[in-house]
Amino acid sequence: MTGYHERRSSNSGRIRWRRARREVADRRERLVEGEAVVVPCKARRTTSRGWGMWVDGGLRLPGPEGGRAEFMVDDPNDVALVTRRGEAPVTLDQPLEVSVRAVRYKAEAFHGSDAQIIVATSPRRVVEIAVRNDDLEATARRLTELS
């Protein structure tokens, strides 16, 4: 027979919340220090004819050893919504021009109506990336440093 404390183990909501909070703090520290990190985000491809759907995923940023930024989709079926060629992960081509714009529509206000969205422009594609407000400045800076 198991005791009360053994049954609560790591499935407790309070423990999951603490662990998630610790993981967010660790990710933010790696992001600011320039280490390899995956930032949870939503992304979409834009063209001169309009824009695609927002896709859940993660933006993988390389560490000091170098590399390219890549967007990894959470659902493999959604890859075609972010890139025409359907390859995963979607590599953000260099040189990148990185800018930040304000949220314009309610449908893109994932992190509040006062949030901002990163726009990564390359000769081949334009990708908009929505990250948490706390991660915005460091993520935009890291993308700028890659170009």
N, C-alpha and C. Protein backbone atom coordinates (compact mmCIF):
# COMPACT_ATOMS: atom_id res chain seq x y z
N MET A 1 0.84 -1.18 0.00
CA MET A 1 0.00 0.00 0.00
C MET A 1 0.88 1.24 0.00
N THR A 2 0.54 2.20 -0.83
CA THR A 2 1.35 3.42 -0.92
C THR A 2 0.80 4.48 0.01
N GLY A 3 1.69 5.32 0.48
CA GLY A 3 1.30 6.40 1.36
C GLY A 3 0.83 7.62 0.59
N TYR A 4 0.29 8.57 1.30
CA TYR A 4 -0.24 9.79 0.69
C TYR A 4 0.82 10.52 -0.12
N HIS A 5 2.01 10.69 0.43
CA HIS A 5 3.06 11.44 -0.26
C HIS A 5 3.59 10.71 -1.49
N GLU A 6 3.58 9.40 -1.46
CA GLU A 6 4.04 8.64 -2.63
C GLU A 6 3.05 8.78 -3.78
N ARG A 7 1.77 8.87 -3.47
CA ARG A 7 0.76 9.00 -4.53
C ARG A 7 0.80 10.36 -5.19
N ARG A 8 1.19 11.40 -4.46
CA ARG A 8 1.21 12.75 -5.03
C ARG A 8 2.40 12.93 -5.94
N SER A 9 3.48 12.27 -5.73
CA SER A 9 4.72 12.28 -6.51
C SER A 9 4.84 13.47 -7.45
N SER A 10 5.39 13.24 -8.65
CA SER A 10 5.64 14.34 -9.57
C SER A 10 4.43 14.70 -10.41
N ASN A 11 3.31 14.03 -10.21
CA ASN A 11 2.11 14.37 -10.96
C ASN A 11 1.31 15.48 -10.30
N SER A 12 1.76 15.96 -9.17
CA SER A 12 1.08 17.03 -8.48
C SER A 12 1.12 18.30 -9.33
N GLY A 13 0.02 19.00 -9.37
CA GLY A 13 -0.05 20.25 -10.13
C GLY A 13 0.96 21.27 -9.66
N ARG A 14 1.17 21.34 -8.36
CA ARG A 14 2.11 22.30 -7.82
C ARG A 14 3.54 21.99 -8.26
N ILE A 15 3.89 20.72 -8.28
CA ILE A 15 5.24 20.32 -8.69
C ILE A 15 5.43 20.55 -10.18
N ARG A 16 4.41 20.23 -10.99
CA ARG A 16 4.49 20.49 -12.43
C ARG A 16 4.65 21.98 -12.69
N TRP A 17 3.94 22.84 -11.95
CA TRP A 17 4.02 24.28 -12.11
C TRP A 17 5.43 24.77 -11.77
N ARG A 18 5.97 24.29 -10.67
CA ARG A 18 7.33 24.68 -10.28
C ARG A 18 8.36 24.25 -11.32
N ARG A 19 8.21 23.03 -11.81
CA ARG A 19 9.14 22.52 -12.82
C ARG A 19 9.05 23.36 -14.10
N ALA A 20 7.83 23.68 -14.53
CA ALA A 20 7.65 24.49 -15.73
C ALA A 20 8.24 25.88 -15.54
N ARG A 21 8.06 26.45 -14.38
CA ARG A 21 8.62 27.77 -14.09
C ARG A 21 10.14 27.74 -14.11
N ARG A 22 10.73 26.69 -13.58
CA ARG A 22 12.17 26.51 -13.58
C ARG A 22 12.70 26.35 -15.01
N GLU A 23 11.97 25.58 -15.83
CA GLU A 23 12.37 25.37 -17.23
C GLU A 23 12.32 26.68 -18.02
N VAL A 24 11.31 27.50 -17.78
CA VAL A 24 11.21 28.80 -18.45
C VAL A 24 12.38 29.69 -18.04
N ALA A 25 12.72 29.71 -16.77
CA ALA A 25 13.84 30.52 -16.30
C ALA A 25 15.16 30.04 -16.91
N ASP A 26 15.36 28.72 -16.98
CA ASP A 26 16.58 28.16 -17.59
C ASP A 26 16.66 28.50 -19.07
N ARG A 27 15.52 28.39 -19.78
CA ARG A 27 15.50 28.71 -21.21
C ARG A 27 15.81 30.19 -21.43
N ARG A 28 15.23 31.05 -20.63
CA ARG A 28 15.46 32.49 -20.77
C ARG A 28 16.92 32.83 -20.50
N GLU A 29 17.53 32.17 -19.53
CA GLU A 29 18.95 32.40 -19.23
C GLU A 29 19.83 31.98 -20.40
N ARG A 30 19.55 30.80 -20.99
CA ARG A 30 20.32 30.35 -22.16
C ARG A 30 20.12 31.28 -23.35
N LEU A 31 18.92 31.80 -23.50
CA LEU A 31 18.62 32.73 -24.60
C LEU A 31 19.42 34.01 -24.47
N VAL A 32 19.45 34.57 -23.29
CA VAL A 32 20.17 35.83 -23.04
C VAL A 32 21.68 35.64 -23.15
N GLU A 33 22.19 34.49 -22.70
CA GLU A 33 23.63 34.24 -22.71
C GLU A 33 24.17 33.79 -24.06
N GLY A 34 23.30 33.59 -25.04
CA GLY A 34 23.75 33.21 -26.37
C GLY A 34 24.00 31.74 -26.57
N GLU A 35 23.47 30.90 -25.69
CA GLU A 35 23.64 29.46 -25.82
C GLU A 35 22.58 28.89 -26.76
N ALA A 36 22.78 27.65 -27.20
CA ALA A 36 21.78 26.98 -28.03
C ALA A 36 20.50 26.80 -27.22
N VAL A 37 19.38 27.14 -27.83
CA VAL A 37 18.11 27.10 -27.13
C VAL A 37 16.97 26.96 -28.13
N VAL A 38 15.87 26.38 -27.68
CA VAL A 38 14.65 26.31 -28.48
C VAL A 38 13.60 27.17 -27.78
N VAL A 39 13.11 28.19 -28.49
CA VAL A 39 12.14 29.13 -27.94
C VAL A 39 10.75 28.74 -28.48
N PRO A 40 9.80 28.42 -27.61
CA PRO A 40 8.45 28.11 -28.08
C PRO A 40 7.83 29.34 -28.75
N CYS A 41 7.18 29.12 -29.88
CA CYS A 41 6.62 30.25 -30.62
C CYS A 41 5.55 29.77 -31.58
N LYS A 42 4.96 30.73 -32.27
CA LYS A 42 4.09 30.48 -33.40
C LYS A 42 4.73 31.21 -34.58
N ALA A 43 4.61 30.63 -35.77
CA ALA A 43 5.21 31.26 -36.94
C ALA A 43 4.27 31.12 -38.14
N ARG A 44 4.44 32.03 -39.10
CA ARG A 44 3.71 31.92 -40.35
C ARG A 44 4.54 32.52 -41.47
N ARG A 45 4.32 32.02 -42.67
CA ARG A 45 5.00 32.51 -43.86
C ARG A 45 4.12 33.59 -44.48
N THR A 46 4.74 34.66 -44.94
CA THR A 46 3.99 35.70 -45.63
C THR A 46 4.56 35.85 -47.04
N THR A 47 3.69 36.22 -47.96
CA THR A 47 4.09 36.46 -49.35
C THR A 47 3.43 37.74 -49.82
N SER A 48 3.72 38.10 -51.05
CA SER A 48 3.09 39.30 -51.61
C SER A 48 1.60 39.10 -51.82
N ARG A 49 1.15 37.85 -51.79
CA ARG A 49 -0.27 37.55 -51.97
C ARG A 49 -1.03 37.38 -50.67
N GLY A 50 -0.35 37.51 -49.55
CA GLY A 50 -1.03 37.35 -48.27
C GLY A 50 -0.18 36.58 -47.29
N TRP A 51 -0.82 36.01 -46.30
CA TRP A 51 -0.09 35.27 -45.27
C TRP A 51 -0.78 33.95 -45.00
N GLY A 52 0.00 33.04 -44.44
CA GLY A 52 -0.52 31.72 -44.11
C GLY A 52 -1.06 31.67 -42.69
N MET A 53 -1.37 30.45 -42.28
CA MET A 53 -1.88 30.24 -40.93
C MET A 53 -0.73 30.24 -39.93
N TRP A 54 -1.04 30.59 -38.69
CA TRP A 54 -0.05 30.50 -37.62
C TRP A 54 0.14 29.03 -37.26
N VAL A 55 1.38 28.63 -37.08
CA VAL A 55 1.73 27.25 -36.79
C VAL A 55 2.50 27.20 -35.47
N ASP A 56 2.10 26.29 -34.58
CA ASP A 56 2.81 26.11 -33.31
C ASP A 56 4.13 25.39 -33.55
N GLY A 57 5.14 25.80 -32.80
CA GLY A 57 6.43 25.13 -32.91
C GLY A 57 7.46 25.76 -32.00
N GLY A 58 8.71 25.62 -32.39
CA GLY A 58 9.82 26.16 -31.61
C GLY A 58 10.88 26.73 -32.54
N LEU A 59 11.46 27.83 -32.15
CA LEU A 59 12.54 28.45 -32.90
C LEU A 59 13.86 28.01 -32.29
N ARG A 60 14.62 27.21 -33.03
CA ARG A 60 15.90 26.71 -32.53
C ARG A 60 16.99 27.71 -32.91
N LEU A 61 17.65 28.26 -31.90
CA LEU A 61 18.74 29.21 -32.10
C LEU A 61 20.05 28.53 -31.76
N PRO A 62 21.07 28.68 -32.62
CA PRO A 62 22.34 28.01 -32.37
C PRO A 62 23.12 28.68 -31.25
N GLY A 63 24.09 27.95 -30.73
CA GLY A 63 24.96 28.47 -29.68
C GLY A 63 26.16 29.18 -30.26
N PRO A 64 27.18 29.42 -29.44
CA PRO A 64 28.36 30.15 -29.88
C PRO A 64 29.14 29.43 -30.98
N GLU A 65 28.96 28.12 -31.12
CA GLU A 65 29.68 27.38 -32.15
C GLU A 65 29.17 27.70 -33.55
N GLY A 66 28.04 28.39 -33.65
CA GLY A 66 27.51 28.81 -34.95
C GLY A 66 26.42 27.89 -35.44
N GLY A 67 25.88 28.21 -36.57
CA GLY A 67 24.79 27.43 -37.15
C GLY A 67 23.72 28.36 -37.66
N ARG A 68 22.60 27.78 -37.99
CA ARG A 68 21.48 28.55 -38.52
C ARG A 68 20.27 28.43 -37.60
N ALA A 69 19.44 29.45 -37.65
CA ALA A 69 18.18 29.40 -36.91
C ALA A 69 17.20 28.54 -37.69
N GLU A 70 16.41 27.74 -36.99
CA GLU A 70 15.45 26.86 -37.63
C GLU A 70 14.13 26.90 -36.86
N PHE A 71 13.03 26.82 -37.60
CA PHE A 71 11.72 26.71 -37.00
C PHE A 71 11.28 25.26 -37.10
N MET A 72 10.98 24.66 -35.96
CA MET A 72 10.53 23.27 -35.92
C MET A 72 9.04 23.26 -35.57
N VAL A 73 8.24 22.65 -36.43
CA VAL A 73 6.80 22.60 -36.19
C VAL A 73 6.47 21.51 -35.18
N ASP A 74 5.43 21.75 -34.39
CA ASP A 74 4.98 20.74 -33.43
C ASP A 74 4.26 19.60 -34.14
N ASP A 75 3.50 19.93 -35.18
CA ASP A 75 2.74 18.93 -35.93
C ASP A 75 3.34 18.82 -37.34
N PRO A 76 3.94 17.68 -37.68
CA PRO A 76 4.58 17.53 -39.00
C PRO A 76 3.65 17.82 -40.18
N ASN A 77 2.35 17.68 -40.00
CA ASN A 77 1.41 17.97 -41.08
C ASN A 77 1.36 19.45 -41.43
N ASP A 78 1.83 20.31 -40.52
CA ASP A 78 1.76 21.76 -40.73
C ASP A 78 3.00 22.34 -41.40
N VAL A 79 3.98 21.52 -41.76
CA VAL A 79 5.22 22.03 -42.36
C VAL A 79 4.93 22.82 -43.62
N ALA A 80 4.03 22.35 -44.45
CA ALA A 80 3.73 23.01 -45.71
C ALA A 80 3.13 24.39 -45.52
N LEU A 81 2.60 24.68 -44.34
CA LEU A 81 2.05 26.01 -44.08
C LEU A 81 3.14 27.05 -43.87
N VAL A 82 4.35 26.61 -43.54
CA VAL A 82 5.44 27.53 -43.25
C VAL A 82 6.44 27.61 -44.40
N THR A 83 6.55 26.56 -45.19
CA THR A 83 7.50 26.56 -46.30
C THR A 83 6.87 25.89 -47.51
N ARG A 84 7.24 26.35 -48.69
CA ARG A 84 6.67 25.78 -49.91
C ARG A 84 7.20 24.38 -50.19
N ARG A 85 8.45 24.13 -49.84
CA ARG A 85 9.08 22.87 -50.20
C ARG A 85 8.75 21.74 -49.23
N GLY A 86 8.15 22.02 -48.11
CA GLY A 86 7.74 20.99 -47.18
C GLY A 86 8.86 20.32 -46.43
N GLU A 87 10.00 20.97 -46.27
CA GLU A 87 11.11 20.37 -45.54
C GLU A 87 11.06 20.80 -44.08
N ALA A 88 11.42 19.89 -43.20
CA ALA A 88 11.42 20.20 -41.78
C ALA A 88 12.76 19.84 -41.19
N PRO A 89 13.31 20.59 -40.27
CA PRO A 89 12.84 21.90 -39.83
C PRO A 89 13.05 22.96 -40.90
N VAL A 90 12.32 24.06 -40.79
CA VAL A 90 12.39 25.16 -41.75
C VAL A 90 13.57 26.05 -41.37
N THR A 91 14.58 26.10 -42.24
CA THR A 91 15.76 26.91 -41.97
C THR A 91 15.48 28.36 -42.35
N LEU A 92 15.79 29.28 -41.45
CA LEU A 92 15.66 30.70 -41.77
C LEU A 92 16.90 31.11 -42.55
N ASP A 93 16.71 31.43 -43.82
CA ASP A 93 17.81 31.75 -44.71
C ASP A 93 18.54 33.01 -44.27
N GLN A 94 19.83 33.07 -44.59
CA GLN A 94 20.63 34.24 -44.29
C GLN A 94 20.95 34.94 -45.60
N PRO A 95 21.18 36.21 -45.71
CA PRO A 95 21.17 37.14 -44.58
C PRO A 95 19.74 37.50 -44.18
N LEU A 96 19.54 37.62 -42.92
CA LEU A 96 18.24 37.98 -42.37
C LEU A 96 18.17 39.48 -42.10
N GLU A 97 17.03 40.03 -42.40
CA GLU A 97 16.72 41.37 -41.93
C GLU A 97 15.66 41.16 -40.87
N VAL A 98 15.95 41.56 -39.67
CA VAL A 98 15.04 41.31 -38.55
C VAL A 98 14.43 42.62 -38.10
N SER A 99 13.11 42.64 -38.02
CA SER A 99 12.41 43.81 -37.50
C SER A 99 11.33 43.33 -36.54
N VAL A 100 10.79 44.25 -35.79
CA VAL A 100 9.73 43.95 -34.84
C VAL A 100 8.56 44.87 -35.15
N ARG A 101 7.37 44.31 -35.21
CA ARG A 101 6.18 45.12 -35.47
C ARG A 101 5.14 44.84 -34.39
N ALA A 102 4.23 45.76 -34.24
CA ALA A 102 3.16 45.61 -33.26
C ALA A 102 2.10 44.64 -33.78
N VAL A 103 1.39 44.01 -32.88
CA VAL A 103 0.26 43.16 -33.23
C VAL A 103 -0.80 44.04 -33.87
N ARG A 104 -1.34 43.60 -35.02
CA ARG A 104 -2.33 44.41 -35.73
C ARG A 104 -3.74 43.87 -35.60
N TYR A 105 -3.87 42.56 -35.44
CA TYR A 105 -5.19 41.94 -35.42
C TYR A 105 -5.37 41.10 -34.17
N LYS A 106 -6.60 40.97 -33.75
CA LYS A 106 -6.91 40.17 -32.57
C LYS A 106 -6.47 38.72 -32.74
N ALA A 107 -6.54 38.20 -33.96
CA ALA A 107 -6.19 36.80 -34.23
C ALA A 107 -4.71 36.51 -34.03
N GLU A 108 -3.85 37.54 -34.01
CA GLU A 108 -2.42 37.32 -33.81
C GLU A 108 -1.94 37.81 -32.44
N ALA A 109 -2.87 38.15 -31.57
CA ALA A 109 -2.53 38.65 -30.24
C ALA A 109 -2.43 37.48 -29.26
N PHE A 110 -1.50 36.56 -29.52
CA PHE A 110 -1.36 35.37 -28.68
C PHE A 110 -0.86 35.72 -27.29
N HIS A 111 -0.09 36.80 -27.18
CA HIS A 111 0.51 37.18 -25.90
C HIS A 111 0.04 38.56 -25.46
N GLY A 112 -1.17 38.94 -25.86
CA GLY A 112 -1.76 40.21 -25.47
C GLY A 112 -1.82 41.18 -26.65
N SER A 113 -2.74 42.13 -26.56
CA SER A 113 -2.91 43.09 -27.66
C SER A 113 -1.77 44.09 -27.76
N ASP A 114 -0.96 44.20 -26.71
CA ASP A 114 0.19 45.11 -26.74
C ASP A 114 1.48 44.38 -27.11
N ALA A 115 1.37 43.13 -27.53
CA ALA A 115 2.55 42.32 -27.87
C ALA A 115 3.13 42.76 -29.22
N GLN A 116 4.30 42.23 -29.52
CA GLN A 116 4.95 42.51 -30.79
C GLN A 116 5.34 41.20 -31.46
N ILE A 117 5.57 41.28 -32.77
CA ILE A 117 5.89 40.10 -33.56
C ILE A 117 7.21 40.35 -34.29
N ILE A 118 8.07 39.33 -34.32
CA ILE A 118 9.35 39.41 -35.02
C ILE A 118 9.11 39.06 -36.48
N VAL A 119 9.67 39.88 -37.39
CA VAL A 119 9.58 39.62 -38.82
C VAL A 119 10.99 39.36 -39.33
N ALA A 120 11.24 38.12 -39.79
CA ALA A 120 12.54 37.73 -40.32
C ALA A 120 12.43 37.66 -41.85
N THR A 121 13.15 38.56 -42.53
CA THR A 121 13.08 38.67 -43.98
C THR A 121 14.37 38.19 -44.60
N SER A 122 14.28 37.30 -45.57
CA SER A 122 15.43 36.85 -46.34
C SER A 122 15.06 36.99 -47.81
N PRO A 123 16.02 36.82 -48.71
CA PRO A 123 15.68 36.94 -50.13
C PRO A 123 14.62 35.95 -50.60
N ARG A 124 14.51 34.80 -49.93
CA ARG A 124 13.58 33.77 -50.37
C ARG A 124 12.25 33.73 -49.63
N ARG A 125 12.19 34.23 -48.40
CA ARG A 125 10.94 34.15 -47.66
C ARG A 125 10.89 35.18 -46.54
N VAL A 126 9.67 35.42 -46.11
CA VAL A 126 9.42 36.27 -44.94
C VAL A 126 8.64 35.41 -43.94
N VAL A 127 9.16 35.33 -42.72
CA VAL A 127 8.51 34.54 -41.68
C VAL A 127 8.24 35.46 -40.50
N GLU A 128 7.00 35.43 -40.03
CA GLU A 128 6.65 36.18 -38.83
C GLU A 128 6.66 35.21 -37.66
N ILE A 129 7.23 35.65 -36.54
CA ILE A 129 7.41 34.79 -35.38
C ILE A 129 6.83 35.49 -34.15
N ALA A 130 5.90 34.82 -33.49
CA ALA A 130 5.29 35.36 -32.27
C ALA A 130 5.84 34.59 -31.08
N VAL A 131 6.60 35.28 -30.23
CA VAL A 131 7.14 34.68 -29.00
C VAL A 131 6.55 35.41 -27.81
N ARG A 132 6.76 34.84 -26.62
CA ARG A 132 6.30 35.51 -25.40
C ARG A 132 6.96 36.88 -25.27
N ASN A 133 6.26 37.81 -24.68
CA ASN A 133 6.79 39.16 -24.52
C ASN A 133 8.14 39.17 -23.81
N ASP A 134 8.33 38.28 -22.84
CA ASP A 134 9.59 38.22 -22.09
C ASP A 134 10.75 37.77 -22.96
N ASP A 135 10.49 37.00 -24.01
CA ASP A 135 11.54 36.47 -24.87
C ASP A 135 11.77 37.30 -26.12
N LEU A 136 10.94 38.30 -26.37
CA LEU A 136 10.96 39.03 -27.64
C LEU A 136 12.30 39.72 -27.91
N GLU A 137 12.74 40.55 -27.01
CA GLU A 137 13.95 41.34 -27.23
C GLU A 137 15.18 40.45 -27.44
N ALA A 138 15.37 39.46 -26.59
CA ALA A 138 16.54 38.58 -26.71
C ALA A 138 16.47 37.74 -27.98
N THR A 139 15.28 37.28 -28.37
CA THR A 139 15.15 36.48 -29.58
C THR A 139 15.44 37.33 -30.82
N ALA A 140 14.91 38.53 -30.87
CA ALA A 140 15.19 39.42 -32.01
C ALA A 140 16.67 39.75 -32.10
N ARG A 141 17.30 39.99 -30.96
CA ARG A 141 18.73 40.29 -30.95
C ARG A 141 19.55 39.10 -31.47
N ARG A 142 19.21 37.90 -31.01
CA ARG A 142 19.92 36.70 -31.45
C ARG A 142 19.76 36.48 -32.94
N LEU A 143 18.56 36.69 -33.48
CA LEU A 143 18.35 36.54 -34.92
C LEU A 143 19.15 37.58 -35.70
N THR A 144 19.21 38.79 -35.19
CA THR A 144 19.99 39.85 -35.84
C THR A 144 21.47 39.48 -35.86
N GLU A 145 21.98 38.91 -34.79
CA GLU A 145 23.38 38.53 -34.72
C GLU A 145 23.74 37.43 -35.71
N LEU A 146 22.77 36.63 -36.13
CA LEU A 146 23.03 35.56 -37.10
C LEU A 146 23.23 36.08 -38.52
N SER A 147 22.69 37.26 -38.80
CA SER A 147 22.79 37.76 -40.18
C SER A 147 24.09 38.48 -40.45
